[in-house]
Each structure stands twice: as C-alpha cells, then as structure tokens.
C-alpha cells in the first residue's frame, strides 16, 4: 500500500504543479503578452493567456512530477537507511 500512496502523492503533486504553472503563465501573458510571444512562439491570432496557461500547465506537470519523485526518492532513502541501521543495532556482537 505504501507504493500506491507514494504514486498518488506524485500524481497529486504533478497536477497541483500543473495548475499553479498554468495560472502563473496566464498571469504573465496578461501582464506581458510580448514576453509570451517571444518565449513560446504561438501561432498568429492565438489567445495569449490561454496559450500561456496551456504551456504553463505542461511545464508545471513535468517539473511537479520530477520534484515529487525526487522528494519521494529521498524519503525512501532515509527509510532504507533507518532499516539498515536498525538491523545493524540488533545484530549481536561476536
């Protein structure tokens, strides 16, 4: 069950990052449409806030997944280190 719980953490973290990235890019598109045009190269006549939100959501999901996976890797490494230490402490000295 721990694997499923960690998988759900990664999915929820990625989706939350996607939403945050989309909102951030949409706000940037409202503030500076020229910046979005130069950075993302949208097609002519594209609605820049919507385009920025879509690109921000894509980048947000990639970055969110990577960050959550790395965080869970660190948590797993700490748990494995605790188990190894516990086993070595329980081992009787010869």
Protein backbone atom coordinates (compact mmCIF):
# COMPACT_ATOMS: atom_id res chain seq x y z
CA UNK A 1 0.00 0.00 0.00
CA UNK A 2 2.96 2.33 0.52
CA UNK A 3 3.75 2.24 -3.20
CA UNK A 4 0.19 3.23 -4.10
CA UNK A 5 0.24 6.04 -1.55
CA UNK A 6 3.53 7.40 -2.95
CA UNK A 7 2.21 7.09 -6.50
CA UNK A 8 -0.86 9.11 -5.52
CA UNK A 9 1.43 11.73 -3.93
CA UNK A 10 3.35 12.04 -7.21
CA UNK A 11 0.17 12.35 -9.28
CA UNK A 12 -1.42 14.92 -6.95
CA UNK A 13 1.83 16.90 -6.75
CA UNK A 14 2.17 16.90 -10.54
CA UNK A 15 -1.42 18.01 -11.07
CA UNK A 16 -1.11 20.76 -8.45
CA UNK A 17 2.09 21.96 -10.11
CA UNK A 18 0.33 21.91 -13.45
CA UNK A 19 -2.47 24.12 -12.17
CA UNK A 20 -0.03 26.51 -10.50
CA UNK A 21 2.11 26.64 -13.64
CA UNK A 22 -0.93 27.33 -15.81
CA UNK A 23 -2.13 30.14 -13.57
CA UNK A 24 1.35 31.65 -13.40
CA UNK A 25 1.80 31.57 -17.19
CA UNK A 26 -1.69 33.01 -17.71
CA UNK A 27 -0.91 35.91 -15.38
CA UNK A 28 2.39 36.50 -17.20
CA UNK A 29 0.52 36.52 -20.53
CA UNK A 30 -1.88 39.18 -19.19
CA UNK A 31 0.96 41.31 -17.82
CA UNK A 32 3.38 40.97 -20.73
CA UNK A 33 1.96 39.45 -23.92
CA UNK A 34 5.17 40.29 -25.81
CA UNK A 35 7.16 38.14 -23.40
CA UNK A 36 4.91 35.14 -24.08
CA UNK A 37 5.11 35.75 -27.84
CA UNK A 38 8.91 35.81 -27.72
CA UNK A 39 9.29 32.90 -25.35
CA UNK A 40 6.76 30.38 -26.65
CA UNK A 41 6.28 31.36 -30.34
CA UNK A 42 2.48 30.95 -30.54
CA UNK A 43 0.73 30.85 -33.88
CA UNK A 44 -0.68 34.07 -35.27
CA UNK A 45 -4.02 35.04 -33.74
CA UNK A 46 -3.66 32.74 -30.72
CA UNK A 47 -5.25 33.86 -27.46
CA UNK A 48 -2.09 34.52 -25.44
CA UNK A 49 -3.48 33.98 -21.90
CA UNK A 50 -4.96 30.62 -22.92
CA UNK A 51 -1.82 29.67 -24.81
CA UNK A 52 0.36 30.68 -21.86
CA UNK A 53 -1.85 28.72 -19.48
CA UNK A 54 -1.59 25.60 -21.64
CA UNK A 55 2.18 25.80 -21.92
CA UNK A 56 2.49 26.60 -18.21
CA UNK A 57 0.41 23.56 -17.33
CA UNK A 58 2.61 21.32 -19.47
CA UNK A 59 5.80 22.62 -17.88
CA UNK A 60 4.19 22.50 -14.45
CA UNK A 61 3.29 18.83 -14.77
CA UNK A 62 6.82 17.93 -15.90
CA UNK A 63 8.51 19.90 -13.14
CA UNK A 64 6.00 18.83 -10.50
CA UNK A 65 6.46 15.17 -11.32
CA UNK A 66 10.23 15.47 -11.20
CA UNK A 67 10.22 17.31 -7.87
CA UNK A 68 7.74 14.93 -6.23
CA UNK A 69 9.62 11.87 -7.50
CA UNK A 70 12.93 13.25 -6.18
CA UNK A 71 11.35 14.07 -2.82
CA UNK A 72 9.93 10.58 -2.52
CA UNK A 73 13.29 9.11 -3.52
CA UNK A 74 14.87 10.98 -0.61
CA UNK A 75 12.18 9.78 1.80
CA UNK A 76 12.70 6.21 0.62
CA UNK A 77 16.48 6.51 1.03
CA UNK A 78 16.03 7.75 4.60
CA UNK A 79 13.68 4.85 5.39
CA UNK A 80 16.13 2.31 3.94
CA UNK A 81 18.98 3.85 5.95
CA UNK A 82 16.89 3.56 9.14
CA UNK A 83 16.17 -0.10 8.39
CA UNK A 84 19.85 -0.85 7.79
CA UNK A 85 20.82 0.94 11.00
CA UNK A 86 18.14 -0.91 12.95
CA UNK A 87 19.36 -4.27 11.61
CA UNK A 88 22.97 -3.47 12.47
CA UNK A 89 21.96 -2.38 16.00
CA UNK A 90 20.03 -5.62 16.58
CA UNK A 91 22.89 -7.83 15.37
CA UNK A 92 24.69 -9.35 18.40
CA UNK A 93 28.39 -8.55 18.62
CA UNK A 94 30.65 -11.56 18.26
